[in-house]
C-alpha atoms as a PDB file:
ATOM      1  CA  UNK A   1      23.902 -17.687  -9.869  1.00  0.00           C
ATOM      2  CA  UNK A   2      22.520 -14.313 -11.025  1.00  0.00           C
ATOM      3  CA  UNK A   3      24.564 -11.141 -10.397  1.00  0.00           C
ATOM      4  CA  UNK A   4      21.387  -9.104  -9.891  1.00  0.00           C
ATOM      5  CA  UNK A   5      21.474  -7.424  -6.436  1.00  0.00           C
ATOM      6  CA  UNK A   6      19.104  -8.699  -3.756  1.00  0.00           C
ATOM      7  CA  UNK A   7      17.056  -7.080  -0.999  1.00  0.00           C
ATOM      8  CA  UNK A   8      15.790  -8.652   2.200  1.00  0.00           C
ATOM      9  CA  UNK A   9      13.382  -7.707   5.011  1.00  0.00           C
ATOM     10  CA  UNK A  10      15.025  -7.475   8.434  1.00  0.00           C
ATOM     11  CA  UNK A  11      13.422  -8.270  11.802  1.00  0.00           C
ATOM     12  CA  UNK A  12      11.533  -4.943  11.757  1.00  0.00           C
ATOM     13  CA  UNK A  13      10.299  -5.628   8.195  1.00  0.00           C
ATOM     14  CA  UNK A  14      12.547  -2.865   6.849  1.00  0.00           C
ATOM     15  CA  UNK A  15      14.044  -3.368   3.406  1.00  0.00           C
ATOM     16  CA  UNK A  16      17.827  -3.892   3.397  1.00  0.00           C
ATOM     17  CA  UNK A  17      20.170  -4.010   0.404  1.00  0.00           C
ATOM     18  CA  UNK A  18      21.115  -4.103  -2.349  1.00  0.00           C
ATOM     19  CA  UNK A  19      23.677  -6.844  -1.856  1.00  0.00           C
ATOM     20  CA  UNK A  20      24.987  -9.774  -3.919  1.00  0.00           C
ATOM     21  CA  UNK A  21      23.625 -13.282  -3.501  1.00  0.00           C
ATOM     22  CA  UNK A  22      26.921 -14.452  -1.984  1.00  0.00           C
ATOM     23  CA  UNK A  23      26.602 -11.906   0.835  1.00  0.00           C
ATOM     24  CA  UNK A  24      22.964 -12.906   1.367  1.00  0.00           C
ATOM     25  CA  UNK A  25      24.023 -16.516   1.809  1.00  0.00           C
ATOM     26  CA  UNK A  26      26.789 -15.368   4.160  1.00  0.00           C
ATOM     27  CA  UNK A  27      24.164 -13.613   6.342  1.00  0.00           C
ATOM     28  CA  UNK A  28      22.153 -16.825   6.332  1.00  0.00           C
ATOM     29  CA  UNK A  29      25.168 -18.852   7.378  1.00  0.00           C
ATOM     30  CA  UNK A  30      25.902 -16.371  10.197  1.00  0.00           C
ATOM     31  CA  UNK A  31      22.314 -16.560  11.448  1.00  0.00           C
ATOM     32  CA  UNK A  32      21.592 -12.868  10.800  1.00  0.00           C
ATOM     33  CA  UNK A  33      18.754 -13.912   8.492  1.00  0.00           C
ATOM     34  CA  UNK A  34      16.843 -17.190   8.239  1.00  0.00           C
ATOM     35  CA  UNK A  35      15.355 -19.429   5.591  1.00  0.00           C
ATOM     36  CA  UNK A  36      12.009 -17.676   6.159  1.00  0.00           C
ATOM     37  CA  UNK A  37      13.388 -14.160   5.601  1.00  0.00           C
ATOM     38  CA  UNK A  38      11.625 -12.379   2.734  1.00  0.00           C
ATOM     39  CA  UNK A  39      13.885 -11.615  -0.246  1.00  0.00           C
ATOM     40  CA  UNK A  40      13.371  -9.848  -3.567  1.00  0.00           C
ATOM     41  CA  UNK A  41      15.322  -8.821  -6.652  1.00  0.00           C
ATOM     42  CA  UNK A  42      14.417  -7.092  -9.890  1.00  0.00           C
ATOM     43  CA  UNK A  43      12.421  -9.426 -12.098  1.00  0.00           C
ATOM     44  CA  UNK A  44      10.563 -11.152  -9.247  1.00  0.00           C
ATOM     45  CA  UNK A  45       6.814 -10.379  -9.131  1.00  0.00           C
ATOM     46  CA  UNK A  46       6.739 -10.349  -5.320  1.00  0.00           C
ATOM     47  CA  UNK A  47       8.740 -10.968  -2.149  1.00  0.00           C
ATOM     48  CA  UNK A  48       9.375 -14.633  -1.367  1.00  0.00           C
ATOM     49  CA  UNK A  49      10.801 -16.533   1.622  1.00  0.00           C
ATOM     50  CA  UNK A  50      14.463 -17.254   0.990  1.00  0.00           C
ATOM     51  CA  UNK A  51      13.964 -21.020   1.177  1.00  0.00           C
ATOM     52  CA  UNK A  52      11.567 -20.911  -1.787  1.00  0.00           C
ATOM     53  CA  UNK A  53      14.087 -19.206  -4.114  1.00  0.00           C
ATOM     54  CA  UNK A  54      16.007 -21.950  -5.913  1.00  0.00           C
ATOM     55  CA  UNK A  55      19.145 -19.933  -6.633  1.00  0.00           C
ATOM     56  CA  UNK A  56      19.490 -18.980  -2.953  1.00  0.00           C
ATOM     57  CA  UNK A  57      18.488 -22.297  -1.428  1.00  0.00           C
ATOM     58  CA  UNK A  58      21.021 -23.710   0.988  1.00  0.00           C
ATOM     59  CA  UNK A  59      21.105 -26.769   3.131  1.00  0.00           C
ATOM     60  CA  UNK A  60      19.198 -26.452   6.370  1.00  0.00           C
ATOM     61  CA  UNK A  61      21.299 -25.447   9.401  1.00  0.00           C
ATOM     62  CA  UNK A  62      22.854 -28.419  11.123  1.00  0.00           C
ATOM     63  CA  UNK A  63      21.734 -29.197  14.681  1.00  0.00           C
ATOM     64  CA  UNK A  64      23.951 -28.010  17.481  1.00  0.00           C
ATOM     65  CA  UNK A  65      26.070 -30.815  18.844  1.00  0.00           C
ATOM     66  CA  UNK A  66      25.001 -31.787  22.372  1.00  0.00           C
ATOM     67  CA  UNK A  67      27.393 -30.960  25.144  1.00  0.00           C
ATOM     68  CA  UNK A  68      29.883 -33.686  26.065  1.00  0.00           C
ATOM     69  CA  UNK A  69      29.761 -32.578  29.672  1.00  0.00           C
ATOM     70  CA  UNK A  70      27.333 -34.938  31.466  1.00  0.00           C
ATOM     71  CA  UNK A  71      26.737 -32.288  34.107  1.00  0.00           C
ATOM     72  CA  UNK A  72      25.960 -29.513  31.629  1.00  0.00           C
ATOM     73  CA  UNK A  73      22.415 -28.283  31.189  1.00  0.00           C
ATOM     74  CA  UNK A  74      20.615 -29.814  28.181  1.00  0.00           C
ATOM     75  CA  UNK A  75      21.148 -27.782  25.019  1.00  0.00           C
ATOM     76  CA  UNK A  76      18.554 -27.103  22.364  1.00  0.00           C
ATOM     77  CA  UNK A  77      18.733 -29.534  19.470  1.00  0.00           C
ATOM     78  CA  UNK A  78      18.588 -26.661  16.979  1.00  0.00           C
ATOM     79  CA  UNK A  79      20.609 -23.476  16.871  1.00  0.00           C
ATOM     80  CA  UNK A  80      18.352 -20.666  18.139  1.00  0.00           C
ATOM     81  CA  UNK A  81      19.762 -18.329  15.498  1.00  0.00           C
ATOM     82  CA  UNK A  82      18.086 -20.458  12.833  1.00  0.00           C
ATOM     83  CA  UNK A  83      14.579 -19.794  14.152  1.00  0.00           C
ATOM     84  CA  UNK A  84      12.374 -17.691  11.820  1.00  0.00           C
ATOM     85  CA  UNK A  85      12.595 -13.940  12.382  1.00  0.00           C
ATOM     86  CA  UNK A  86       8.935 -13.548  11.422  1.00  0.00           C
ATOM     87  CA  UNK A  87       6.070 -15.606  10.148  1.00  0.00           C
ATOM     88  CA  UNK A  88       6.271 -16.599   6.473  1.00  0.00           C
ATOM     89  CA  UNK A  89       3.808 -15.206   3.988  1.00  0.00           C
ATOM     90  CA  UNK A  90       0.365 -16.759   4.074  1.00  0.00           C
ATOM     91  CA  UNK A  91      -1.817 -16.963   0.953  1.00  0.00           C
ATOM     92  CA  UNK A  92      -3.552 -13.639   1.545  1.00  0.00           C
ATOM     93  CA  UNK A  93      -0.258 -11.869   2.183  1.00  0.00           C
ATOM     94  CA  UNK A  94       1.083 -13.252  -1.094  1.00  0.00           C
ATOM     95  CA  UNK A  95      -1.714 -11.315  -2.786  1.00  0.00           C
ATOM     96  CA  UNK A  96      -0.758  -8.107  -0.950  1.00  0.00           C
ATOM     97  CA  UNK A  97       2.907  -8.656  -1.857  1.00  0.00           C
ATOM     98  CA  UNK A  98       2.055  -9.124  -5.521  1.00  0.00           C
ATOM     99  CA  UNK A  99       0.003  -5.907  -5.518  1.00  0.00           C
ATOM    100  CA  UNK A 100       2.339  -3.600  -3.573  1.00  0.00           C
ATOM    101  CA  UNK A 101       5.575  -4.743  -5.207  1.00  0.00           C
ATOM    102  CA  UNK A 102       9.102  -4.215  -3.928  1.00  0.00           C
ATOM    103  CA  UNK A 103       8.057  -1.992  -0.989  1.00  0.00           C
ATOM    104  CA  UNK A 104       5.760  -4.660   0.481  1.00  0.00           C
ATOM    105  CA  UNK A 105       7.762  -5.200   3.728  1.00  0.00           C
ATOM    106  CA  UNK A 106       7.079  -1.564   4.676  1.00  0.00           C
ATOM    107  CA  UNK A 107       3.327  -1.864   4.180  1.00  0.00           C
ATOM    108  CA  UNK A 108       3.255  -5.332   5.723  1.00  0.00           C
ATOM    109  CA  UNK A 109       4.453  -3.668   8.918  1.00  0.00           C
ATOM    110  CA  UNK A 110       2.252  -0.561   8.638  1.00  0.00           C
ATOM    111  CA  UNK A 111      -0.868  -2.623   8.009  1.00  0.00           C
ATOM    112  CA  UNK A 112       0.145  -5.248  10.616  1.00  0.00           C
ATOM    113  CA  UNK A 113      -0.790  -8.032   8.276  1.00  0.00           C
ATOM    114  CA  UNK A 114       0.935 -10.604  10.498  1.00  0.00           C
ATOM    115  CA  UNK A 115      -1.408  -9.684  13.363  1.00  0.00           C
ATOM    116  CA  UNK A 116      -4.588  -9.263  11.332  1.00  0.00           C
ATOM    117  CA  UNK A 117      -4.890 -12.018   8.689  1.00  0.00           C
ATOM    118  CA  UNK A 118      -7.697 -10.226   6.889  1.00  0.00           C
ATOM    119  CA  UNK A 119      -5.864  -6.917   6.669  1.00  0.00           C
ATOM    120  CA  UNK A 120      -8.276  -5.051   8.949  1.00  0.00           C
ATOM    121  CA  UNK A 121      -5.465  -3.600  11.057  1.00  0.00           C
ATOM    122  CA  UNK A 122      -5.698  -0.683  13.455  1.00  0.00           C
ATOM    123  CA  UNK A 123      -2.402   0.651  12.097  1.00  0.00           C
ATOM    124  CA  UNK A 124      -3.978   1.023   8.664  1.00  0.00           C
ATOM    125  CA  UNK A 125      -4.620   4.619   9.691  1.00  0.00           C
ATOM    126  CA  UNK A 126      -0.996   5.190  10.772  1.00  0.00           C
ATOM    127  CA  UNK A 127       0.702   8.367   9.605  1.00  0.00           C
ATOM    128  CA  UNK A 128       1.958   8.470   6.003  1.00  0.00           C
ATOM    129  CA  UNK A 129       4.710  10.955   5.214  1.00  0.00           C
ATOM    130  CA  UNK A 130       4.475  10.440   1.426  1.00  0.00           C
ATOM    131  CA  UNK A 131       0.750  11.243   1.521  1.00  0.00           C
ATOM    132  CA  UNK A 132       1.396  14.284   3.759  1.00  0.00           C
ATOM    133  CA  UNK A 133       4.141  15.685   1.545  1.00  0.00           C
ATOM    134  CA  UNK A 134       2.773  14.863  -1.899  1.00  0.00           C
ATOM    135  CA  UNK A 135      -0.960  14.249  -1.433  1.00  0.00           C
ATOM    136  CA  UNK A 136      -2.702  13.420  -4.693  1.00  0.00           C
ATOM    137  CA  UNK A 137       0.622  12.956  -6.504  1.00  0.00           C
ATOM    138  CA  UNK A 138       1.544  10.135  -4.104  1.00  0.00           C
ATOM    139  CA  UNK A 139      -1.865   8.602  -4.811  1.00  0.00           C
ATOM    140  CA  UNK A 140      -1.172   8.774  -8.535  1.00  0.00           C
ATOM    141  CA  UNK A 141       2.252   7.199  -7.973  1.00  0.00           C
ATOM    142  CA  UNK A 142       0.551   4.339  -6.121  1.00  0.00           C
ATOM    143  CA  UNK A 143      -2.014   4.105  -8.962  1.00  0.00           C
ATOM    144  CA  UNK A 144      -4.946   5.196  -6.803  1.00  0.00           C
ATOM    145  CA  UNK A 145      -6.461   7.182  -9.644  1.00  0.00           C
ATOM    146  CA  UNK A 146     -10.004   7.574  -8.288  1.00  0.00           C
ATOM    147  CA  UNK A 147      -8.732   8.739  -4.890  1.00  0.00           C
ATOM    148  CA  UNK A 148      -6.325  11.186  -6.519  1.00  0.00           C
ATOM    149  CA  UNK A 149      -9.087  12.621  -8.716  1.00  0.00           C
ATOM    150  CA  UNK A 150     -11.355  13.141  -5.714  1.00  0.00           C
ATOM    151  CA  UNK A 151      -8.527  14.721  -3.721  1.00  0.00           C
ATOM    152  CA  UNK A 152      -7.644  17.124  -6.528  1.00  0.00           C
ATOM    153  CA  UNK A 153     -11.342  17.915  -6.923  1.00  0.00           C
ATOM    154  CA  UNK A 154     -11.636  18.725  -3.218  1.00  0.00           C
ATOM    155  CA  UNK A 155      -8.556  20.967  -3.362  1.00  0.00           C
ATOM    156  CA  UNK A 156      -9.962  22.743  -6.411  1.00  0.00           C
ATOM    157  CA  UNK A 157     -13.260  23.420  -4.643  1.00  0.00           C
ATOM    158  CA  UNK A 158     -11.385  24.759  -1.621  1.00  0.00           C
ATOM    159  CA  UNK A 159      -9.353  27.068  -3.873  1.00  0.00           C
ATOM    160  CA  UNK A 160     -12.530  28.412  -5.496  1.00  0.00           C
ATOM    161  CA  UNK A 161     -14.126  29.018  -2.100  1.00  0.00           C
ATOM    162  CA  UNK A 162     -11.012  30.797  -0.830  1.00  0.00           C
ATOM    163  CA  UNK A 163     -10.960  33.034  -3.901  1.00  0.00           C
ATOM    164  CA  UNK A 164     -14.664  33.875  -3.692  1.00  0.00           C
ATOM    165  CA  UNK A 165     -14.386  34.583   0.026  1.00  0.00           C
ATOM    166  CA  UNK A 166     -11.277  36.709  -0.443  1.00  0.00           C
ATOM    167  CA  UNK A 167      -9.312  34.622   2.049  1.00  0.00           C
ATOM    168  CA  UNK A 168      -6.010  36.050   3.231  1.00  0.00           C
ATOM    169  CA  UNK A 169      -2.663  34.362   2.637  1.00  0.00           C
ATOM    170  CA  UNK A 170      -2.543  33.179   6.245  1.00  0.00           C
ATOM    171  CA  UNK A 171      -5.951  31.513   5.921  1.00  0.00           C
ATOM    172  CA  UNK A 172      -4.883  29.867   2.662  1.00  0.00           C
ATOM    173  CA  UNK A 173      -1.753  28.554   4.391  1.00  0.00           C
ATOM    174  CA  UNK A 174      -3.817  27.081   7.229  1.00  0.00           C
ATOM    175  CA  UNK A 175      -6.117  25.359   4.713  1.00  0.00           C
ATOM    176  CA  UNK A 176      -3.128  23.968   2.806  1.00  0.00           C
ATOM    177  CA  UNK A 177      -1.522  22.574   5.966  1.00  0.00           C
ATOM    178  CA  UNK A 178      -4.847  21.132   7.123  1.00  0.00           C
ATOM    179  CA  UNK A 179      -5.398  19.281   3.849  1.00  0.00           C
ATOM    180  CA  UNK A 180      -1.839  17.926   3.962  1.00  0.00           C
ATOM    181  CA  UNK A 181      -2.366  16.668   7.521  1.00  0.00           C
ATOM    182  CA  UNK A 182      -5.625  15.035   6.424  1.00  0.00           C
ATOM    183  CA  UNK A 183      -3.822  13.267   3.578  1.00  0.00           C
ATOM    184  CA  UNK A 184      -1.077  12.059   5.903  1.00  0.00           C
ATOM    185  CA  UNK A 185      -3.646  10.769   8.395  1.00  0.00           C
ATOM    186  CA  UNK A 186      -5.706   8.705   5.943  1.00  0.00           C
ATOM    187  CA  UNK A 187      -3.098   7.854   3.288  1.00  0.00           C
ATOM    188  CA  UNK A 188      -2.209   4.369   4.532  1.00  0.00           C
ATOM    189  CA  UNK A 189      -5.857   3.533   5.174  1.00  0.00           C
ATOM    190  CA  UNK A 190      -6.830   4.598   1.649  1.00  0.00           C
ATOM    191  CA  UNK A 191      -4.015   2.525   0.177  1.00  0.00           C
ATOM    192  CA  UNK A 192      -5.021  -0.531   2.220  1.00  0.00           C
ATOM    193  CA  UNK A 193      -8.646  -0.249   1.123  1.00  0.00           C
ATOM    194  CA  UNK A 194      -7.528   0.177  -2.484  1.00  0.00           C
ATOM    195  CA  UNK A 195      -5.348  -2.934  -2.229  1.00  0.00           C
ATOM    196  CA  UNK A 196      -8.228  -4.922  -0.761  1.00  0.00           C
ATOM    197  CA  UNK A 197     -10.549  -3.869  -3.586  1.00  0.00           C
ATOM    198  CA  UNK A 198      -7.999  -4.861  -6.225  1.00  0.00           C
ATOM    199  CA  UNK A 199      -7.404  -8.218  -4.511  1.00  0.00           C
ATOM    200  CA  UNK A 200     -11.151  -8.875  -4.469  1.00  0.00           C
ATOM    201  CA  UNK A 201     -11.325  -7.944  -8.167  1.00  0.00           C
ATOM    202  CA  UNK A 202      -8.455 -10.307  -9.079  1.00  0.00           C
ATOM    203  CA  UNK A 203     -10.051 -13.109  -7.078  1.00  0.00           C
ATOM    204  CA  UNK A 204     -13.376 -12.578  -8.841  1.00  0.00           C
ATOM    205  CA  UNK A 205     -11.708 -12.623 -12.273  1.00  0.00           C
ATOM    206  CA  UNK A 206      -9.563 -15.694 -11.560  1.00  0.00           C
ATOM    207  CA  UNK A 207     -11.384 -17.786  -8.935  1.00  0.00           C
ATOM    208  CA  UNK A 208      -9.232 -20.520  -7.446  1.00  0.00           C
ATOM    209  CA  UNK A 209      -6.153 -19.642  -9.537  1.00  0.00           C
ATOM    210  CA  UNK A 210      -3.627 -17.970  -7.208  1.00  0.00           C
ATOM    211  CA  UNK A 211      -0.960 -17.682  -9.908  1.00  0.00           C
ATOM    212  CA  UNK A 212      -3.300 -15.801 -12.263  1.00  0.00           C
ATOM    213  CA  UNK A 213      -4.518 -13.642  -9.381  1.00  0.00           C
ATOM    214  CA  UNK A 214      -0.974 -12.624  -8.441  1.00  0.00           C
ATOM    215  CA  UNK A 215      -0.116 -11.862 -12.060  1.00  0.00           C
ATOM    216  CA  UNK A 216      -3.217  -9.673 -12.345  1.00  0.00           C
ATOM    217  CA  UNK A 217      -2.392  -7.896  -9.081  1.00  0.00           C
ATOM    218  CA  UNK A 218       1.161  -7.202 -10.249  1.00  0.00           C
ATOM    219  CA  UNK A 219      -0.354  -5.502 -13.299  1.00  0.00           C
ATOM    220  CA  UNK A 220      -2.885  -3.528 -11.257  1.00  0.00           C
ATOM    221  CA  UNK A 221      -0.535  -2.473  -8.480  1.00  0.00           C
ATOM    222  CA  UNK A 222       3.020  -1.319  -8.061  1.00  0.00           C
ATOM    223  CA  UNK A 223       3.925   2.263  -8.926  1.00  0.00           C
ATOM    224  CA  UNK A 224       3.778   4.472 -12.015  1.00  0.00           C
ATOM    225  CA  UNK A 225       5.761   7.690 -12.442  1.00  0.00           C
ATOM    226  CA  UNK A 226       4.048   8.551 -15.728  1.00  0.00           C
ATOM    227  CA  UNK A 227       0.758   8.971 -13.849  1.00  0.00           C
ATOM    228  CA  UNK A 228       2.441  11.541 -11.587  1.00  0.00           C
ATOM    229  CA  UNK A 229       3.677  13.619 -14.526  1.00  0.00           C
ATOM    230  CA  UNK A 230       0.295  13.508 -16.259  1.00  0.00           C
ATOM    231  CA  UNK A 231      -1.400  14.504 -13.009  1.00  0.00           C
ATOM    232  CA  UNK A 232       0.966  17.428 -12.543  1.00  0.00           C
ATOM    233  CA  UNK A 233       0.244  18.670 -16.053  1.00  0.00           C
ATOM    234  CA  UNK A 234      -3.526  18.411 -15.541  1.00  0.00           C
ATOM    235  CA  UNK A 235      -3.295  20.167 -12.173  1.00  0.00           C
ATOM    236  CA  UNK A 236      -1.252  23.055 -13.598  1.00  0.00           C
ATOM    237  CA  UNK A 237      -3.734  23.511 -16.461  1.00  0.00           C
ATOM    238  CA  UNK A 238      -6.658  23.353 -14.036  1.00  0.00           C
ATOM    239  CA  UNK A 239      -5.173  25.925 -11.653  1.00  0.00           C
ATOM    240  CA  UNK A 240      -4.285  28.199 -14.581  1.00  0.00           C
ATOM    241  CA  UNK A 241      -7.836  28.015 -15.941  1.00  0.00           C
ATOM    242  CA  UNK A 242      -9.334  28.768 -12.513  1.00  0.00           C
ATOM    243  CA  UNK A 243      -6.969  31.700 -12.011  1.00  0.00           C
ATOM    244  CA  UNK A 244      -7.988  33.124 -15.404  1.00  0.00           C
ATOM    245  CA  UNK A 245     -11.726  32.654 -14.740  1.00  0.00           C
ATOM    246  CA  UNK A 246     -11.749  33.933 -11.158  1.00  0.00           C
ATOM    247  CA  UNK A 247      -9.263  36.785 -11.562  1.00  0.00           C
ATOM    248  CA  UNK A 248     -11.239  40.010 -11.087  1.00  0.00           C
END
């Protein structure tokens, strides 16, 4: 059995771990997780139900022995602790999991994919702290390059307008906070739409081949720190050039 640490999604779809495989099996034996709990470790392309991972597979829980008391109320034939904590991944969710990567349980909850099979979830517009705090740099980290470019372009235009209008520091602060709030408000929606476009692209390139689609999505999605650093460098150069050109 591999010594690589494991992660699992709890009842609220929050990522837990890292922990060794032995402890994961102990949680299964104690009923704290089930065979349908999503698990992931480094090297896996996406989250998978525990029962589908060969190295973690265990025998199914044994039925609870019926009471020997003839006057006792009938007991359930199966231990209630062994019931699934959440629905297993369906085909479409496998595509989302392959695209998002290790943080999929978080976005599965935010997008309410279990309640909306086609991903059109009301919570897609839920608040995003990463987008609020980091804006275009979070978009670059999530490989949303077109969205990041448009966001940086909008911020650049706002900076030019502020400079030309001679806006005060307080006005500039209000504009900065407003743009951050806007990013936080639409961040999860933008990421969901981006994921849906990439899924549609992978399906068009590999019709009927789920394995090839998931491999393509793993290459298109995930995260990339190098894009953040390149974006920072471009942004600094752009702001420096604007400051030089607009400085009276």
